[in-house]
All heavy atoms as atom14 arrays in JSON, in Angstrom:
{
  "sequence": "ENLAVQFKTDDGTIRAVDGVSFSLQPGETLGIVGESGSGKSVT",
  "atom14_mask": [
    [1, 1, 1, 1, 1, 1, 1, 1, 1, 0, 0, 0, 0, 0],
    [1, 1, 1, 1, 1, 1, 1, 1, 0, 0, 0, 0, 0, 0],
    [1, 1, 1, 1, 1, 1, 1, 1, 0, 0, 0, 0, 0, 0],
    [1, 1, 1, 1, 1, 0, 0, 0, 0, 0, 0, 0, 0, 0],
    [1, 1, 1, 1, 1, 1, 1, 0, 0, 0, 0, 0, 0, 0],
    [1, 1, 1, 1, 1, 1, 1, 1, 1, 0, 0, 0, 0, 0],
    [1, 1, 1, 1, 1, 1, 1, 1, 1, 1, 1, 0, 0, 0],
    [1, 1, 1, 1, 1, 1, 1, 1, 1, 0, 0, 0, 0, 0],
    [1, 1, 1, 1, 1, 1, 1, 0, 0, 0, 0, 0, 0, 0],
    [1, 1, 1, 1, 1, 1, 1, 1, 0, 0, 0, 0, 0, 0],
    [1, 1, 1, 1, 1, 1, 1, 1, 0, 0, 0, 0, 0, 0],
    [1, 1, 1, 1, 0, 0, 0, 0, 0, 0, 0, 0, 0, 0],
    [1, 1, 1, 1, 1, 1, 1, 0, 0, 0, 0, 0, 0, 0],
    [1, 1, 1, 1, 1, 1, 1, 1, 0, 0, 0, 0, 0, 0],
    [1, 1, 1, 1, 1, 1, 1, 1, 1, 1, 1, 0, 0, 0],
    [1, 1, 1, 1, 1, 0, 0, 0, 0, 0, 0, 0, 0, 0],
    [1, 1, 1, 1, 1, 1, 1, 0, 0, 0, 0, 0, 0, 0],
    [1, 1, 1, 1, 1, 1, 1, 1, 0, 0, 0, 0, 0, 0],
    [1, 1, 1, 1, 0, 0, 0, 0, 0, 0, 0, 0, 0, 0],
    [1, 1, 1, 1, 1, 1, 1, 0, 0, 0, 0, 0, 0, 0],
    [1, 1, 1, 1, 1, 1, 0, 0, 0, 0, 0, 0, 0, 0],
    [1, 1, 1, 1, 1, 1, 1, 1, 1, 1, 1, 0, 0, 0],
    [1, 1, 1, 1, 1, 1, 0, 0, 0, 0, 0, 0, 0, 0],
    [1, 1, 1, 1, 1, 1, 1, 1, 0, 0, 0, 0, 0, 0],
    [1, 1, 1, 1, 1, 1, 1, 1, 1, 0, 0, 0, 0, 0],
    [1, 1, 1, 1, 1, 1, 1, 0, 0, 0, 0, 0, 0, 0],
    [1, 1, 1, 1, 0, 0, 0, 0, 0, 0, 0, 0, 0, 0],
    [1, 1, 1, 1, 1, 1, 1, 1, 1, 0, 0, 0, 0, 0],
    [1, 1, 1, 1, 1, 1, 1, 0, 0, 0, 0, 0, 0, 0],
    [1, 1, 1, 1, 1, 1, 1, 1, 0, 0, 0, 0, 0, 0],
    [1, 1, 1, 1, 0, 0, 0, 0, 0, 0, 0, 0, 0, 0],
    [1, 1, 1, 1, 1, 1, 1, 1, 0, 0, 0, 0, 0, 0],
    [1, 1, 1, 1, 1, 1, 1, 0, 0, 0, 0, 0, 0, 0],
    [1, 1, 1, 1, 0, 0, 0, 0, 0, 0, 0, 0, 0, 0],
    [1, 1, 1, 1, 1, 1, 1, 1, 1, 0, 0, 0, 0, 0],
    [1, 1, 1, 1, 1, 1, 0, 0, 0, 0, 0, 0, 0, 0],
    [1, 1, 1, 1, 0, 0, 0, 0, 0, 0, 0, 0, 0, 0],
    [1, 1, 1, 1, 1, 1, 0, 0, 0, 0, 0, 0, 0, 0],
    [1, 1, 1, 1, 0, 0, 0, 0, 0, 0, 0, 0, 0, 0],
    [1, 1, 1, 1, 1, 1, 1, 1, 1, 0, 0, 0, 0, 0],
    [1, 1, 1, 1, 1, 1, 0, 0, 0, 0, 0, 0, 0, 0],
    [1, 1, 1, 1, 1, 1, 1, 0, 0, 0, 0, 0, 0, 0],
    [1, 1, 1, 1, 1, 1, 1, 0, 0, 0, 0, 0, 0, 0]
  ],
  "atom14_positions": [
    [[110.15, 95.58, 108.32], [111.44, 96.05, 108.81], [112.39, 96.34, 107.65], [112.66, 95.46, 106.82], [112.07, 95.0, 109.74], [111.21, 94.64, 110.94], [111.76, 93.44, 111.72], [112.77, 92.86, 111.25], [111.17, 93.09, 112.75], [0.0, 0.0, 0.0], [0.0, 0.0, 0.0], [0.0, 0.0, 0.0], [0.0, 0.0, 0.0], [0.0, 0.0, 0.0]],
    [[112.87, 97.57, 107.58], [113.93, 97.98, 106.67], [113.65, 97.6, 105.21], [114.52, 97.12, 104.49], [115.27, 97.38, 107.1], [116.46, 98.06, 106.46], [116.44, 99.27, 106.24], [117.5, 97.3, 106.15], [0.0, 0.0, 0.0], [0.0, 0.0, 0.0], [0.0, 0.0, 0.0], [0.0, 0.0, 0.0], [0.0, 0.0, 0.0], [0.0, 0.0, 0.0]],
    [[112.44, 97.85, 104.76], [112.07, 97.55, 103.37], [112.71, 98.54, 102.41], [112.59, 99.76, 102.59], [110.55, 97.59, 103.23], [109.99, 97.37, 101.82], [110.33, 95.97, 101.3], [108.48, 97.61, 101.8], [0.0, 0.0, 0.0], [0.0, 0.0, 0.0], [0.0, 0.0, 0.0], [0.0, 0.0, 0.0], [0.0, 0.0, 0.0], [0.0, 0.0, 0.0]],
    [[113.38, 98.03, 101.39], [114.0, 98.88, 100.38], [113.7, 98.29, 99.0], [113.86, 97.09, 98.77], [115.51, 98.97, 100.59], [0.0, 0.0, 0.0], [0.0, 0.0, 0.0], [0.0, 0.0, 0.0], [0.0, 0.0, 0.0], [0.0, 0.0, 0.0], [0.0, 0.0, 0.0], [0.0, 0.0, 0.0], [0.0, 0.0, 0.0], [0.0, 0.0, 0.0]],
    [[113.26, 99.16, 98.08], [112.91, 98.74, 96.72], [113.54, 99.71, 95.74], [113.48, 100.94, 95.93], [111.38, 98.72, 96.51], [111.05, 98.25, 95.1], [110.7, 97.86, 97.55], [0.0, 0.0, 0.0], [0.0, 0.0, 0.0], [0.0, 0.0, 0.0], [0.0, 0.0, 0.0], [0.0, 0.0, 0.0], [0.0, 0.0, 0.0], [0.0, 0.0, 0.0]],
    [[114.15, 99.18, 94.68], [114.74, 100.04, 93.66], [114.23, 99.66, 92.28], [113.73, 98.56, 92.05], [116.27, 99.97, 93.68], [116.84, 98.68, 93.12], [118.36, 98.72, 92.99], [119.03, 99.49, 93.68], [118.91, 97.88, 92.13], [0.0, 0.0, 0.0], [0.0, 0.0, 0.0], [0.0, 0.0, 0.0], [0.0, 0.0, 0.0], [0.0, 0.0, 0.0]],
    [[114.37, 100.62, 91.35], [114.0, 100.38, 89.95], [115.14, 100.85, 89.06], [115.71, 101.92, 89.28], [112.73, 101.15, 89.58], [111.48, 100.63, 90.23], [111.09, 101.09, 91.48], [110.71, 99.67, 89.6], [109.94, 100.62, 92.08], [109.55, 99.19, 90.2], [109.17, 99.65, 91.44], [0.0, 0.0, 0.0], [0.0, 0.0, 0.0], [0.0, 0.0, 0.0]],
    [[115.46, 100.05, 88.06], [116.43, 100.44, 87.06], [115.71, 101.18, 85.93], [114.76, 100.66, 85.34], [117.14, 99.22, 86.49], [117.98, 98.43, 87.5], [119.29, 99.13, 87.81], [120.19, 98.23, 88.65], [121.48, 98.88, 88.97], [0.0, 0.0, 0.0], [0.0, 0.0, 0.0], [0.0, 0.0, 0.0], [0.0, 0.0, 0.0], [0.0, 0.0, 0.0]],
    [[116.13, 102.4, 85.63], [115.51, 103.19, 84.57], [116.58, 103.75, 83.65], [117.78, 103.66, 83.94], [114.69, 104.36, 85.16], [115.59, 105.36, 85.67], [113.79, 103.88, 86.29], [0.0, 0.0, 0.0], [0.0, 0.0, 0.0], [0.0, 0.0, 0.0], [0.0, 0.0, 0.0], [0.0, 0.0, 0.0], [0.0, 0.0, 0.0], [0.0, 0.0, 0.0]],
    [[116.15, 104.33, 82.55], [117.08, 104.96, 81.61], [117.81, 106.14, 82.26], [118.9, 106.51, 81.83], [116.34, 105.43, 80.36], [115.8, 104.27, 79.54], [116.33, 103.15, 79.69], [114.85, 104.48, 78.77], [0.0, 0.0, 0.0], [0.0, 0.0, 0.0], [0.0, 0.0, 0.0], [0.0, 0.0, 0.0], [0.0, 0.0, 0.0], [0.0, 0.0, 0.0]],
    [[117.19, 106.73, 83.28], [117.79, 107.89, 83.95], [118.67, 107.49, 85.14], [119.24, 108.35, 85.79], [116.69, 108.85, 84.44], [115.91, 109.45, 83.29], [116.51, 109.69, 82.23], [114.69, 109.65, 83.46], [0.0, 0.0, 0.0], [0.0, 0.0, 0.0], [0.0, 0.0, 0.0], [0.0, 0.0, 0.0], [0.0, 0.0, 0.0], [0.0, 0.0, 0.0]],
    [[118.74, 106.2, 85.4], [119.55, 105.73, 86.52], [118.74, 104.86, 87.46], [117.6, 104.49, 87.18], [0.0, 0.0, 0.0], [0.0, 0.0, 0.0], [0.0, 0.0, 0.0], [0.0, 0.0, 0.0], [0.0, 0.0, 0.0], [0.0, 0.0, 0.0], [0.0, 0.0, 0.0], [0.0, 0.0, 0.0], [0.0, 0.0, 0.0], [0.0, 0.0, 0.0]],
    [[119.34, 104.51, 88.57], [118.68, 103.67, 89.57], [117.88, 104.52, 90.53], [118.4, 105.47, 91.11], [119.72, 102.84, 90.35], [120.44, 102.01, 89.43], [119.04, 101.98, 91.4], [0.0, 0.0, 0.0], [0.0, 0.0, 0.0], [0.0, 0.0, 0.0], [0.0, 0.0, 0.0], [0.0, 0.0, 0.0], [0.0, 0.0, 0.0], [0.0, 0.0, 0.0]],
    [[116.61, 104.17, 90.69], [115.72, 104.91, 91.58], [115.46, 104.09, 92.83], [115.01, 102.94, 92.75], [114.38, 105.23, 90.87], [114.61, 106.25, 89.75], [113.36, 105.75, 91.87], [113.37, 106.56, 88.95], [0.0, 0.0, 0.0], [0.0, 0.0, 0.0], [0.0, 0.0, 0.0], [0.0, 0.0, 0.0], [0.0, 0.0, 0.0], [0.0, 0.0, 0.0]],
    [[115.76, 104.66, 93.97], [115.48, 104.01, 95.26], [114.09, 104.47, 95.69], [113.94, 105.47, 96.4], [116.54, 104.41, 96.27], [116.49, 103.6, 97.55], [117.6, 102.59, 97.6], [117.78, 102.07, 98.95], [118.76, 101.26, 99.3], [119.64, 100.86, 98.39], [118.87, 100.82, 100.54], [0.0, 0.0, 0.0], [0.0, 0.0, 0.0], [0.0, 0.0, 0.0]],
    [[113.06, 103.77, 95.24], [111.69, 104.21, 95.47], [111.27, 104.07, 96.92], [110.48, 104.88, 97.43], [110.74, 103.42, 94.57], [0.0, 0.0, 0.0], [0.0, 0.0, 0.0], [0.0, 0.0, 0.0], [0.0, 0.0, 0.0], [0.0, 0.0, 0.0], [0.0, 0.0, 0.0], [0.0, 0.0, 0.0], [0.0, 0.0, 0.0], [0.0, 0.0, 0.0]],
    [[111.75, 103.04, 97.6], [111.5, 102.85, 99.04], [112.85, 102.59, 99.68], [113.6, 101.73, 99.22], [110.54, 101.67, 99.29], [110.34, 101.46, 100.78], [109.2, 101.92, 98.6], [0.0, 0.0, 0.0], [0.0, 0.0, 0.0], [0.0, 0.0, 0.0], [0.0, 0.0, 0.0], [0.0, 0.0, 0.0], [0.0, 0.0, 0.0], [0.0, 0.0, 0.0]],
    [[113.17, 103.34, 100.73], [114.53, 103.32, 101.27], [114.52, 103.11, 102.79], [114.53, 104.05, 103.57], [115.21, 104.64, 100.93], [116.7, 104.63, 101.23], [117.22, 103.55, 101.57], [117.33, 105.69, 101.12], [0.0, 0.0, 0.0], [0.0, 0.0, 0.0], [0.0, 0.0, 0.0], [0.0, 0.0, 0.0], [0.0, 0.0, 0.0], [0.0, 0.0, 0.0]],
    [[114.46, 101.83, 103.21], [114.58, 101.53, 104.63], [113.34, 101.82, 105.44], [113.43, 102.39, 106.53], [0.0, 0.0, 0.0], [0.0, 0.0, 0.0], [0.0, 0.0, 0.0], [0.0, 0.0, 0.0], [0.0, 0.0, 0.0], [0.0, 0.0, 0.0], [0.0, 0.0, 0.0], [0.0, 0.0, 0.0], [0.0, 0.0, 0.0], [0.0, 0.0, 0.0]],
    [[112.18, 101.41, 104.95], [110.92, 101.69, 105.62], [110.59, 100.59, 106.63], [110.71, 99.41, 106.33], [109.78, 101.8, 104.58], [108.42, 101.63, 105.22], [109.86, 103.14, 103.86], [0.0, 0.0, 0.0], [0.0, 0.0, 0.0], [0.0, 0.0, 0.0], [0.0, 0.0, 0.0], [0.0, 0.0, 0.0], [0.0, 0.0, 0.0], [0.0, 0.0, 0.0]],
    [[110.18, 101.0, 107.82], [109.76, 100.06, 108.87], [108.46, 100.56, 109.49], [108.3, 101.76, 109.73], [110.82, 99.94, 109.96], [112.04, 99.45, 109.45], [0.0, 0.0, 0.0], [0.0, 0.0, 0.0], [0.0, 0.0, 0.0], [0.0, 0.0, 0.0], [0.0, 0.0, 0.0], [0.0, 0.0, 0.0], [0.0, 0.0, 0.0], [0.0, 0.0, 0.0]],
    [[107.54, 99.62, 109.73], [106.3, 99.98, 110.42], [105.6, 98.7, 110.87], [105.95, 97.59, 110.45], [105.37, 100.81, 109.53], [104.83, 100.08, 108.32], [103.61, 99.42, 108.36], [105.54, 100.08, 107.13], [103.11, 98.75, 107.25], [105.06, 99.42, 106.01], [103.84, 98.75, 106.07], [0.0, 0.0, 0.0], [0.0, 0.0, 0.0], [0.0, 0.0, 0.0]],
    [[104.6, 98.86, 111.72], [103.82, 97.72, 112.19], [102.34, 98.04, 112.03], [101.94, 99.21, 111.94], [104.14, 97.4, 113.65], [103.77, 98.48, 114.49], [0.0, 0.0, 0.0], [0.0, 0.0, 0.0], [0.0, 0.0, 0.0], [0.0, 0.0, 0.0], [0.0, 0.0, 0.0], [0.0, 0.0, 0.0], [0.0, 0.0, 0.0], [0.0, 0.0, 0.0]],
    [[101.55, 96.98, 112.0], [100.09, 97.11, 111.88], [99.46, 96.21, 112.92], [99.72, 95.01, 112.97], [99.65, 96.71, 110.48], [98.14, 96.76, 110.2], [97.66, 98.22, 110.18], [97.81, 96.08, 108.87], [0.0, 0.0, 0.0], [0.0, 0.0, 0.0], [0.0, 0.0, 0.0], [0.0, 0.0, 0.0], [0.0, 0.0, 0.0], [0.0, 0.0, 0.0]],
    [[98.62, 96.81, 113.77], [97.95, 96.05, 114.82], [96.61, 95.5, 114.31], [96.0, 96.07, 113.4], [97.7, 96.95, 116.03], [98.95, 97.49, 116.69], [99.79, 96.41, 117.33], [99.28, 95.41, 117.82], [101.11, 96.61, 117.33], [0.0, 0.0, 0.0], [0.0, 0.0, 0.0], [0.0, 0.0, 0.0], [0.0, 0.0, 0.0], [0.0, 0.0, 0.0]],
    [[96.14, 94.39, 114.88], [94.84, 93.85, 114.48], [93.73, 94.89, 114.65], [93.64, 95.56, 115.68], [94.63, 92.67, 115.44], [96.02, 92.28, 115.86], [96.79, 93.55, 115.92], [0.0, 0.0, 0.0], [0.0, 0.0, 0.0], [0.0, 0.0, 0.0], [0.0, 0.0, 0.0], [0.0, 0.0, 0.0], [0.0, 0.0, 0.0], [0.0, 0.0, 0.0]],
    [[92.9, 95.05, 113.64], [91.73, 95.91, 113.73], [91.98, 97.4, 113.6], [91.03, 98.19, 113.66], [0.0, 0.0, 0.0], [0.0, 0.0, 0.0], [0.0, 0.0, 0.0], [0.0, 0.0, 0.0], [0.0, 0.0, 0.0], [0.0, 0.0, 0.0], [0.0, 0.0, 0.0], [0.0, 0.0, 0.0], [0.0, 0.0, 0.0], [0.0, 0.0, 0.0]],
    [[93.22, 97.84, 113.41], [93.48, 99.28, 113.33], [93.57, 99.74, 111.88], [93.72, 98.94, 110.95], [94.77, 99.65, 114.06], [96.04, 99.41, 113.3], [97.24, 100.15, 113.89], [97.05, 101.16, 114.6], [98.37, 99.71, 113.64], [0.0, 0.0, 0.0], [0.0, 0.0, 0.0], [0.0, 0.0, 0.0], [0.0, 0.0, 0.0], [0.0, 0.0, 0.0]],
    [[93.48, 101.05, 111.69], [93.68, 101.66, 110.38], [94.95, 102.51, 110.44], [95.03, 103.46, 111.22], [92.5, 102.54, 109.97], [91.31, 101.73, 109.91], [92.74, 103.16, 108.61], [0.0, 0.0, 0.0], [0.0, 0.0, 0.0], [0.0, 0.0, 0.0], [0.0, 0.0, 0.0], [0.0, 0.0, 0.0], [0.0, 0.0, 0.0], [0.0, 0.0, 0.0]],
    [[95.93, 102.13, 109.63], [97.19, 102.86, 109.56], [97.22, 103.66, 108.27], [97.04, 103.11, 107.17], [98.36, 101.87, 109.57], [99.76, 102.46, 109.31], [100.18, 103.36, 110.48], [100.79, 101.36, 109.08], [0.0, 0.0, 0.0], [0.0, 0.0, 0.0], [0.0, 0.0, 0.0], [0.0, 0.0, 0.0], [0.0, 0.0, 0.0], [0.0, 0.0, 0.0]],
    [[97.42, 104.97, 108.38], [97.5, 105.81, 107.2], [98.94, 106.01, 106.76], [99.83, 106.21, 107.6], [0.0, 0.0, 0.0], [0.0, 0.0, 0.0], [0.0, 0.0, 0.0], [0.0, 0.0, 0.0], [0.0, 0.0, 0.0], [0.0, 0.0, 0.0], [0.0, 0.0, 0.0], [0.0, 0.0, 0.0], [0.0, 0.0, 0.0], [0.0, 0.0, 0.0]],
    [[99.17, 105.94, 105.46], [100.46, 106.3, 104.88], [100.19, 107.45, 103.92], [99.47, 107.28, 102.93], [101.12, 105.11, 104.15], [101.37, 103.96, 105.13], [102.44, 105.55, 103.51], [102.02, 102.73, 104.5], [0.0, 0.0, 0.0], [0.0, 0.0, 0.0], [0.0, 0.0, 0.0], [0.0, 0.0, 0.0], [0.0, 0.0, 0.0], [0.0, 0.0, 0.0]],
    [[100.74, 108.61, 104.23], [100.4, 109.82, 103.5], [101.66, 110.46, 102.92], [102.75, 110.35, 103.5], [99.65, 110.81, 104.41], [100.53, 111.29, 105.55], [99.1, 112.0, 103.64], [0.0, 0.0, 0.0], [0.0, 0.0, 0.0], [0.0, 0.0, 0.0], [0.0, 0.0, 0.0], [0.0, 0.0, 0.0], [0.0, 0.0, 0.0], [0.0, 0.0, 0.0]],
    [[101.51, 111.11, 101.78], [102.63, 111.8, 101.15], [102.28, 112.2, 99.74], [101.24, 111.79, 99.19], [0.0, 0.0, 0.0], [0.0, 0.0, 0.0], [0.0, 0.0, 0.0], [0.0, 0.0, 0.0], [0.0, 0.0, 0.0], [0.0, 0.0, 0.0], [0.0, 0.0, 0.0], [0.0, 0.0, 0.0], [0.0, 0.0, 0.0], [0.0, 0.0, 0.0]],
    [[103.14, 113.01, 99.13], [102.92, 113.44, 97.76], [103.04, 112.27, 96.79], [103.59, 111.22, 97.12], [103.94, 114.52, 97.38], [103.81, 115.82, 98.15], [104.98, 116.75, 97.91], [106.08, 116.49, 98.43], [104.8, 117.74, 97.18], [0.0, 0.0, 0.0], [0.0, 0.0, 0.0], [0.0, 0.0, 0.0], [0.0, 0.0, 0.0], [0.0, 0.0, 0.0]],
    [[102.53, 112.47, 95.57], [102.7, 111.46, 94.53], [104.19, 111.22, 94.29], [104.98, 112.17, 94.26], [102.04, 111.93, 93.23], [100.65, 112.07, 93.4], [0.0, 0.0, 0.0], [0.0, 0.0, 0.0], [0.0, 0.0, 0.0], [0.0, 0.0, 0.0], [0.0, 0.0, 0.0], [0.0, 0.0, 0.0], [0.0, 0.0, 0.0], [0.0, 0.0, 0.0]],
    [[104.57, 109.96, 94.15], [105.96, 109.62, 93.9], [106.79, 109.45, 95.16], [108.01, 109.23, 95.07], [0.0, 0.0, 0.0], [0.0, 0.0, 0.0], [0.0, 0.0, 0.0], [0.0, 0.0, 0.0], [0.0, 0.0, 0.0], [0.0, 0.0, 0.0], [0.0, 0.0, 0.0], [0.0, 0.0, 0.0], [0.0, 0.0, 0.0], [0.0, 0.0, 0.0]],
    [[106.16, 109.5, 96.34], [106.92, 109.39, 97.58], [107.25, 107.95, 97.96], [108.07, 107.72, 98.84], [106.17, 110.07, 98.73], [104.91, 109.44, 98.94], [0.0, 0.0, 0.0], [0.0, 0.0, 0.0], [0.0, 0.0, 0.0], [0.0, 0.0, 0.0], [0.0, 0.0, 0.0], [0.0, 0.0, 0.0], [0.0, 0.0, 0.0], [0.0, 0.0, 0.0]],
    [[106.6, 106.98, 97.3], [106.89, 105.58, 97.58], [105.77, 104.82, 98.27], [105.94, 103.66, 98.62], [0.0, 0.0, 0.0], [0.0, 0.0, 0.0], [0.0, 0.0, 0.0], [0.0, 0.0, 0.0], [0.0, 0.0, 0.0], [0.0, 0.0, 0.0], [0.0, 0.0, 0.0], [0.0, 0.0, 0.0], [0.0, 0.0, 0.0], [0.0, 0.0, 0.0]],
    [[104.62, 105.46, 98.44], [103.51, 104.84, 99.16], [103.02, 103.57, 98.46], [102.91, 102.5, 99.06], [102.34, 105.83, 99.3], [102.71, 107.17, 99.89], [101.51, 108.06, 100.09], [100.72, 108.33, 98.84], [101.48, 109.05, 97.81], [0.0, 0.0, 0.0], [0.0, 0.0, 0.0], [0.0, 0.0, 0.0], [0.0, 0.0, 0.0], [0.0, 0.0, 0.0]],
    [[102.7, 103.69, 97.18], [102.15, 102.55, 96.44], [103.19, 101.46, 96.25], [102.85, 100.26, 96.3], [101.62, 103.01, 95.08], [100.51, 103.88, 95.23], [0.0, 0.0, 0.0], [0.0, 0.0, 0.0], [0.0, 0.0, 0.0], [0.0, 0.0, 0.0], [0.0, 0.0, 0.0], [0.0, 0.0, 0.0], [0.0, 0.0, 0.0], [0.0, 0.0, 0.0]],
    [[104.44, 101.83, 96.03], [105.49, 100.83, 95.86], [105.63, 99.99, 97.13], [105.85, 98.78, 97.06], [106.82, 101.5, 95.49], [107.96, 100.48, 95.45], [106.71, 102.19, 94.14], [0.0, 0.0, 0.0], [0.0, 0.0, 0.0], [0.0, 0.0, 0.0], [0.0, 0.0, 0.0], [0.0, 0.0, 0.0], [0.0, 0.0, 0.0], [0.0, 0.0, 0.0]],
    [[105.49, 100.62, 98.29], [105.54, 99.88, 99.55], [104.48, 98.8, 99.58], [104.75, 97.64, 99.92], [105.35, 100.85, 100.74], [106.42, 101.81, 100.75], [105.34, 100.1, 102.06], [0.0, 0.0, 0.0], [0.0, 0.0, 0.0], [0.0, 0.0, 0.0], [0.0, 0.0, 0.0], [0.0, 0.0, 0.0], [0.0, 0.0, 0.0], [0.0, 0.0, 0.0]]
  ]
}
């Protein structure tokens, strides 16, 4: 629920994940898809 992650860099503050919410049911496969740099791995 409402996951937000930021990074401090020389270019400023990066909000890599901004208010992400999702659920995962037992035994299911949930895909998270997007371009590189969209925040998938940081999540």
